[in-house]
């Protein structure tokens, strides 16, 4: 048990948490993180059969990462993010790039992607 309680991490909750290894009060533990997010199918998110056909064709014609040249763990990345199923960028072949998992994560803002974007912005300003 903690000697000093911490506030629940749920926004606006005044409850205090005494248990070690816990960051939310009993009221918010079961509703935090993934449990709160509604699940969306691949089709509803825009990655159905049409996308799978385009993805397979893209990987067959461009089988290496555009950033590092890797040929394993390849993914198809939307260069510019699409918004909704009717957005023309969703299935535009010119808006796709082959990236390995590591470069895709970096570019998409996970695992240091923000740093890469910051550096690119600095280069443009010079």
N, C-alpha and C. Protein backbone atom coordinates (compact mmCIF):
# COMPACT_ATOMS: atom_id res chain seq x y z
N UNK A 1 0.84 -1.18 0.00
CA UNK A 1 0.00 0.00 0.00
C UNK A 1 0.89 1.25 0.00
N UNK A 2 0.47 2.24 -0.77
CA UNK A 2 1.22 3.49 -0.84
C UNK A 2 1.14 4.26 0.47
N UNK A 3 2.20 4.97 0.76
CA UNK A 3 2.18 5.85 1.94
C UNK A 3 1.43 7.13 1.62
N UNK A 4 1.61 7.61 0.40
CA UNK A 4 0.95 8.84 -0.03
C UNK A 4 0.04 8.49 -1.20
N UNK A 5 -1.23 8.82 -1.11
CA UNK A 5 -2.13 8.48 -2.21
C UNK A 5 -1.88 9.38 -3.42
N UNK A 6 -2.28 8.87 -4.59
CA UNK A 6 -2.21 9.71 -5.78
C UNK A 6 -3.64 9.93 -6.27
N UNK A 7 -3.85 11.00 -7.02
CA UNK A 7 -5.18 11.26 -7.57
C UNK A 7 -5.43 10.30 -8.72
N UNK A 8 -6.68 9.93 -8.90
CA UNK A 8 -7.08 9.08 -10.02
C UNK A 8 -6.72 9.80 -11.32
N UNK A 9 -6.21 9.06 -12.29
CA UNK A 9 -5.79 9.67 -13.56
C UNK A 9 -6.96 10.02 -14.48
N UNK A 10 -8.15 9.60 -14.13
CA UNK A 10 -9.32 9.94 -14.95
C UNK A 10 -9.56 11.44 -14.82
N UNK A 11 -9.72 12.11 -15.93
CA UNK A 11 -9.88 13.56 -15.94
C UNK A 11 -11.05 13.99 -15.05
N UNK A 12 -10.77 14.89 -14.13
CA UNK A 12 -11.80 15.46 -13.26
C UNK A 12 -12.19 14.62 -12.06
N UNK A 13 -11.62 13.45 -11.89
CA UNK A 13 -11.98 12.59 -10.75
C UNK A 13 -11.16 13.00 -9.53
N UNK A 14 -11.83 13.32 -8.41
CA UNK A 14 -11.11 13.74 -7.21
C UNK A 14 -10.68 12.58 -6.31
N UNK A 15 -11.02 11.35 -6.67
CA UNK A 15 -10.73 10.19 -5.80
C UNK A 15 -9.23 9.98 -5.67
N UNK A 16 -8.84 9.40 -4.54
CA UNK A 16 -7.45 9.09 -4.28
C UNK A 16 -7.23 7.59 -4.39
N UNK A 17 -6.05 7.21 -4.91
CA UNK A 17 -5.72 5.81 -5.11
C UNK A 17 -4.59 5.44 -4.17
N UNK A 18 -4.83 4.40 -3.33
CA UNK A 18 -3.84 3.98 -2.35
C UNK A 18 -3.09 2.73 -2.76
N UNK A 19 -3.65 1.90 -3.67
CA UNK A 19 -3.05 0.61 -4.01
C UNK A 19 -1.82 0.79 -4.91
N UNK A 20 -0.78 0.00 -4.65
CA UNK A 20 0.40 -0.01 -5.50
C UNK A 20 0.02 -0.59 -6.87
N UNK A 21 0.61 -0.06 -7.92
CA UNK A 21 0.37 -0.58 -9.26
C UNK A 21 -0.93 -0.12 -9.88
N UNK A 22 -1.69 0.69 -9.21
CA UNK A 22 -2.95 1.19 -9.74
C UNK A 22 -2.84 2.69 -9.97
N UNK A 23 -3.49 3.17 -11.01
CA UNK A 23 -3.45 4.60 -11.28
C UNK A 23 -4.84 5.21 -11.38
N UNK A 24 -5.87 4.37 -11.28
CA UNK A 24 -7.24 4.85 -11.34
C UNK A 24 -8.03 4.30 -10.15
N UNK A 25 -9.05 5.03 -9.75
CA UNK A 25 -9.90 4.58 -8.64
C UNK A 25 -10.76 3.40 -9.10
N UNK A 26 -11.44 2.78 -8.16
CA UNK A 26 -12.28 1.61 -8.48
C UNK A 26 -13.36 1.94 -9.51
N UNK A 27 -13.90 3.14 -9.46
CA UNK A 27 -14.95 3.52 -10.41
C UNK A 27 -14.45 3.59 -11.85
N UNK A 28 -13.16 3.91 -12.03
CA UNK A 28 -12.65 4.14 -13.39
C UNK A 28 -11.74 3.03 -13.92
N UNK A 29 -11.40 2.06 -13.12
CA UNK A 29 -10.50 1.00 -13.59
C UNK A 29 -11.06 0.22 -14.76
N UNK A 30 -12.31 -0.18 -14.68
CA UNK A 30 -12.87 -1.02 -15.75
C UNK A 30 -13.24 -0.22 -16.98
N UNK A 31 -13.33 1.10 -16.88
CA UNK A 31 -13.72 1.90 -18.04
C UNK A 31 -12.56 2.68 -18.63
N UNK A 32 -11.35 2.33 -18.25
CA UNK A 32 -10.21 3.09 -18.78
C UNK A 32 -9.65 2.41 -20.01
N UNK A 33 -8.94 3.17 -20.81
CA UNK A 33 -8.22 2.63 -21.96
C UNK A 33 -9.11 1.98 -23.00
N UNK A 34 -8.71 0.77 -23.44
CA UNK A 34 -9.38 0.07 -24.54
C UNK A 34 -10.83 -0.24 -24.23
N UNK A 35 -11.17 -0.42 -22.97
CA UNK A 35 -12.54 -0.79 -22.63
C UNK A 35 -13.53 0.31 -23.01
N UNK A 36 -13.09 1.56 -23.03
CA UNK A 36 -13.98 2.68 -23.36
C UNK A 36 -14.15 2.87 -24.85
N UNK A 37 -13.19 2.44 -25.63
CA UNK A 37 -13.21 2.72 -27.06
C UNK A 37 -14.14 1.76 -27.79
N UNK A 38 -15.04 2.30 -28.60
CA UNK A 38 -15.91 1.40 -29.36
C UNK A 38 -15.11 0.65 -30.42
N UNK A 39 -15.40 -0.60 -30.60
CA UNK A 39 -14.68 -1.40 -31.60
C UNK A 39 -15.31 -1.18 -32.96
N UNK A 40 -14.44 -1.00 -33.94
CA UNK A 40 -14.89 -0.76 -35.31
C UNK A 40 -14.30 -1.85 -36.18
N UNK A 41 -15.11 -2.40 -37.07
CA UNK A 41 -14.62 -3.45 -37.96
C UNK A 41 -13.66 -2.86 -38.99
N UNK A 42 -12.85 -3.73 -39.60
CA UNK A 42 -11.92 -3.28 -40.64
C UNK A 42 -12.67 -2.62 -41.79
N UNK A 43 -13.82 -3.19 -42.16
CA UNK A 43 -14.61 -2.65 -43.27
C UNK A 43 -15.13 -1.26 -42.93
N UNK A 44 -15.62 -1.09 -41.70
CA UNK A 44 -16.15 0.21 -41.29
C UNK A 44 -15.04 1.26 -41.22
N UNK A 45 -13.82 0.82 -40.94
CA UNK A 45 -12.69 1.75 -40.86
C UNK A 45 -12.09 2.05 -42.23
N UNK A 46 -12.57 1.39 -43.28
CA UNK A 46 -12.08 1.66 -44.63
C UNK A 46 -11.05 0.67 -45.12
N UNK A 47 -10.91 -0.48 -44.45
CA UNK A 47 -9.91 -1.46 -44.85
C UNK A 47 -10.55 -2.80 -45.22
N UNK A 48 -11.56 -2.77 -46.07
CA UNK A 48 -12.27 -3.97 -46.51
C UNK A 48 -11.61 -4.63 -47.71
N UNK A 49 -12.41 -5.33 -48.50
CA UNK A 49 -11.92 -6.11 -49.65
C UNK A 49 -11.26 -5.23 -50.70
N UNK A 50 -11.85 -4.07 -50.96
CA UNK A 50 -11.27 -3.15 -51.95
C UNK A 50 -9.85 -2.75 -51.55
N UNK A 51 -9.68 -2.41 -50.27
CA UNK A 51 -8.38 -2.03 -49.76
C UNK A 51 -7.40 -3.18 -49.85
N UNK A 52 -7.83 -4.39 -49.49
CA UNK A 52 -6.94 -5.55 -49.53
C UNK A 52 -6.43 -5.82 -50.94
N UNK A 53 -7.30 -5.67 -51.95
CA UNK A 53 -6.85 -5.85 -53.35
C UNK A 53 -5.79 -4.80 -53.71
N UNK A 54 -6.07 -3.55 -53.39
CA UNK A 54 -5.13 -2.46 -53.69
C UNK A 54 -3.81 -2.67 -52.94
N UNK A 55 -3.90 -3.09 -51.69
CA UNK A 55 -2.72 -3.33 -50.86
C UNK A 55 -1.84 -4.43 -51.46
N UNK A 56 -2.46 -5.56 -51.83
CA UNK A 56 -1.69 -6.67 -52.43
C UNK A 56 -1.01 -6.24 -53.72
N UNK A 57 -1.74 -5.50 -54.57
CA UNK A 57 -1.16 -5.01 -55.84
C UNK A 57 0.00 -4.07 -55.57
N UNK A 58 -0.17 -3.18 -54.60
CA UNK A 58 0.89 -2.20 -54.27
C UNK A 58 2.15 -2.92 -53.78
N UNK A 59 1.98 -3.88 -52.87
CA UNK A 59 3.15 -4.60 -52.34
C UNK A 59 3.83 -5.44 -53.41
N UNK A 60 3.07 -5.98 -54.35
CA UNK A 60 3.66 -6.77 -55.43
C UNK A 60 4.49 -5.89 -56.36
N UNK A 61 4.04 -4.66 -56.58
CA UNK A 61 4.78 -3.77 -57.49
C UNK A 61 5.88 -2.96 -56.81
N UNK A 62 5.81 -2.81 -55.49
CA UNK A 62 6.82 -2.05 -54.73
C UNK A 62 7.20 -2.84 -53.47
N UNK A 63 8.06 -3.86 -53.59
CA UNK A 63 8.32 -4.76 -52.46
C UNK A 63 9.43 -4.35 -51.50
N UNK A 64 9.78 -3.06 -51.44
CA UNK A 64 10.79 -2.61 -50.48
C UNK A 64 10.34 -1.32 -49.80
N UNK A 65 10.83 -1.11 -48.58
CA UNK A 65 10.50 0.09 -47.81
C UNK A 65 11.09 1.32 -48.50
N UNK A 66 10.28 2.36 -48.66
CA UNK A 66 10.75 3.58 -49.31
C UNK A 66 11.74 4.35 -48.45
N UNK A 67 11.76 4.10 -47.15
CA UNK A 67 12.65 4.83 -46.26
C UNK A 67 14.00 4.16 -46.06
N UNK A 68 13.97 2.84 -45.79
CA UNK A 68 15.23 2.17 -45.44
C UNK A 68 15.61 1.03 -46.39
N UNK A 69 14.74 0.66 -47.31
CA UNK A 69 15.05 -0.39 -48.27
C UNK A 69 14.82 -1.80 -47.77
N UNK A 70 14.23 -1.96 -46.58
CA UNK A 70 13.97 -3.30 -46.03
C UNK A 70 12.93 -4.02 -46.89
N UNK A 71 13.00 -5.35 -46.87
CA UNK A 71 12.04 -6.13 -47.65
C UNK A 71 11.25 -7.09 -46.78
N UNK A 72 11.27 -6.89 -45.47
CA UNK A 72 10.50 -7.74 -44.55
C UNK A 72 9.55 -6.88 -43.73
N UNK A 73 8.51 -7.50 -43.21
CA UNK A 73 7.50 -6.82 -42.39
C UNK A 73 6.94 -5.58 -43.08
N UNK A 74 6.63 -5.69 -44.37
CA UNK A 74 6.17 -4.53 -45.14
C UNK A 74 4.71 -4.22 -44.89
N UNK A 75 4.43 -2.94 -44.89
CA UNK A 75 3.07 -2.43 -44.71
C UNK A 75 2.83 -1.37 -45.77
N UNK A 76 1.57 -1.15 -46.09
CA UNK A 76 1.22 -0.09 -47.03
C UNK A 76 0.71 1.08 -46.21
N UNK A 77 1.33 2.22 -46.39
CA UNK A 77 1.04 3.41 -45.61
C UNK A 77 0.33 4.44 -46.48
N UNK A 78 -0.69 5.08 -45.92
CA UNK A 78 -1.29 6.23 -46.59
C UNK A 78 -0.38 7.43 -46.31
N UNK A 79 0.17 8.02 -47.35
CA UNK A 79 1.08 9.15 -47.19
C UNK A 79 0.34 10.31 -46.53
N UNK A 80 -0.81 10.64 -47.08
CA UNK A 80 -1.68 11.64 -46.45
C UNK A 80 -2.87 10.91 -45.87
N UNK A 81 -3.21 11.21 -44.64
CA UNK A 81 -4.30 10.53 -43.93
C UNK A 81 -5.63 10.75 -44.64
N UNK A 82 -6.44 9.70 -44.73
CA UNK A 82 -7.77 9.86 -45.31
C UNK A 82 -8.80 10.02 -44.20
N UNK A 83 -9.91 10.68 -44.54
CA UNK A 83 -10.96 10.97 -43.55
C UNK A 83 -12.29 10.46 -44.10
N UNK A 84 -12.67 9.27 -43.71
CA UNK A 84 -13.96 8.73 -44.10
C UNK A 84 -13.88 7.84 -45.32
N UNK A 85 -14.91 7.03 -45.49
CA UNK A 85 -14.94 6.06 -46.57
C UNK A 85 -15.08 6.70 -47.95
N UNK A 86 -15.64 7.90 -48.02
CA UNK A 86 -15.83 8.55 -49.32
C UNK A 86 -14.67 9.45 -49.71
N UNK A 87 -13.64 9.52 -48.89
CA UNK A 87 -12.46 10.34 -49.20
C UNK A 87 -11.68 9.69 -50.35
N UNK A 88 -11.42 10.44 -51.42
CA UNK A 88 -10.69 9.86 -52.57
C UNK A 88 -9.26 9.43 -52.23
N UNK A 89 -8.68 9.97 -51.16
CA UNK A 89 -7.32 9.57 -50.78
C UNK A 89 -7.26 8.13 -50.27
N UNK A 90 -8.39 7.58 -49.83
CA UNK A 90 -8.42 6.25 -49.23
C UNK A 90 -7.91 5.19 -50.19
N UNK A 91 -8.34 5.22 -51.45
CA UNK A 91 -7.95 4.21 -52.42
C UNK A 91 -7.14 4.79 -53.58
N UNK A 92 -6.49 5.91 -53.36
CA UNK A 92 -5.66 6.53 -54.40
C UNK A 92 -4.27 5.91 -54.40
N UNK A 93 -3.88 5.20 -55.47
CA UNK A 93 -2.55 4.57 -55.50
C UNK A 93 -1.40 5.56 -55.33
N UNK A 94 -1.59 6.80 -55.75
CA UNK A 94 -0.54 7.81 -55.61
C UNK A 94 -0.36 8.24 -54.16
N UNK A 95 -1.32 7.90 -53.30
CA UNK A 95 -1.25 8.27 -51.89
C UNK A 95 -0.70 7.15 -51.02
N UNK A 96 -0.12 6.12 -51.64
CA UNK A 96 0.37 4.96 -50.89
C UNK A 96 1.88 4.87 -50.96
N UNK A 97 2.48 4.36 -49.90
CA UNK A 97 3.92 4.13 -49.85
C UNK A 97 4.16 2.83 -49.09
N UNK A 98 5.15 2.06 -49.54
CA UNK A 98 5.53 0.84 -48.84
C UNK A 98 6.52 1.20 -47.75
N UNK A 99 6.23 0.76 -46.53
CA UNK A 99 7.15 1.00 -45.41
C UNK A 99 7.24 -0.26 -44.57
N UNK A 100 8.41 -0.49 -44.00
CA UNK A 100 8.54 -1.59 -43.04
C UNK A 100 7.84 -1.15 -41.76
N UNK A 101 7.58 -2.09 -40.87
CA UNK A 101 6.85 -1.77 -39.65
C UNK A 101 7.52 -0.68 -38.83
N UNK A 102 8.84 -0.73 -38.76
CA UNK A 102 9.58 0.25 -37.96
C UNK A 102 9.46 1.67 -38.55
N UNK A 103 9.65 1.79 -39.86
CA UNK A 103 9.55 3.11 -40.50
C UNK A 103 8.11 3.62 -40.49
N UNK A 104 7.15 2.71 -40.63
CA UNK A 104 5.75 3.11 -40.60
C UNK A 104 5.40 3.67 -39.22
N UNK A 105 5.85 3.00 -38.16
CA UNK A 105 5.60 3.49 -36.81
C UNK A 105 6.26 4.84 -36.59
N UNK A 106 7.47 4.99 -37.08
CA UNK A 106 8.19 6.25 -36.93
C UNK A 106 7.45 7.38 -37.65
N UNK A 107 7.03 7.11 -38.87
CA UNK A 107 6.36 8.13 -39.68
C UNK A 107 4.99 8.49 -39.10
N UNK A 108 4.31 7.52 -38.55
CA UNK A 108 2.95 7.74 -38.08
C UNK A 108 2.86 8.38 -36.70
N UNK A 109 3.98 8.71 -36.09
CA UNK A 109 3.95 9.40 -34.81
C UNK A 109 4.19 8.51 -33.62
N UNK A 110 4.33 7.20 -33.83
CA UNK A 110 4.65 6.30 -32.74
C UNK A 110 6.15 6.09 -32.76
N UNK A 111 6.73 5.79 -31.65
CA UNK A 111 8.15 5.44 -31.54
C UNK A 111 9.05 6.52 -32.13
N UNK A 112 8.77 7.77 -31.81
CA UNK A 112 9.68 8.84 -32.21
C UNK A 112 9.33 9.54 -33.50
N UNK A 113 8.18 9.29 -34.06
CA UNK A 113 7.79 9.93 -35.32
C UNK A 113 7.68 11.43 -35.20
N UNK A 114 7.29 11.89 -34.04
CA UNK A 114 7.18 13.34 -33.85
C UNK A 114 8.54 14.01 -34.01
N UNK A 115 9.58 13.31 -33.57
CA UNK A 115 10.93 13.84 -33.71
C UNK A 115 11.32 13.96 -35.18
N UNK A 116 10.98 12.94 -35.97
CA UNK A 116 11.29 12.99 -37.40
C UNK A 116 10.54 14.13 -38.08
N UNK A 117 9.28 14.31 -37.71
CA UNK A 117 8.49 15.40 -38.30
C UNK A 117 9.07 16.75 -37.92
N UNK A 118 9.54 16.87 -36.67
CA UNK A 118 10.14 18.13 -36.21
C UNK A 118 11.41 18.44 -37.01
N UNK A 119 12.24 17.41 -37.22
CA UNK A 119 13.46 17.62 -37.99
C UNK A 119 13.16 18.00 -39.43
N UNK A 120 12.17 17.36 -40.02
CA UNK A 120 11.79 17.69 -41.40
C UNK A 120 11.31 19.13 -41.49
N UNK A 121 10.56 19.56 -40.49
CA UNK A 121 10.07 20.93 -40.47
C UNK A 121 11.24 21.91 -40.35
N UNK A 122 12.24 21.59 -39.53
CA UNK A 122 13.42 22.44 -39.39
C UNK A 122 14.18 22.55 -40.70
N UNK A 123 14.30 21.42 -41.43
CA UNK A 123 14.99 21.44 -42.72
C UNK A 123 14.28 22.34 -43.71
N UNK A 124 12.95 22.31 -43.69
CA UNK A 124 12.16 23.14 -44.62
C UNK A 124 12.34 24.63 -44.31
N UNK A 125 12.53 24.97 -43.03
CA UNK A 125 12.66 26.36 -42.64
C UNK A 125 14.02 26.96 -42.99
N UNK A 126 15.01 26.11 -43.22
CA UNK A 126 16.37 26.59 -43.52
C UNK A 126 16.49 27.16 -44.89
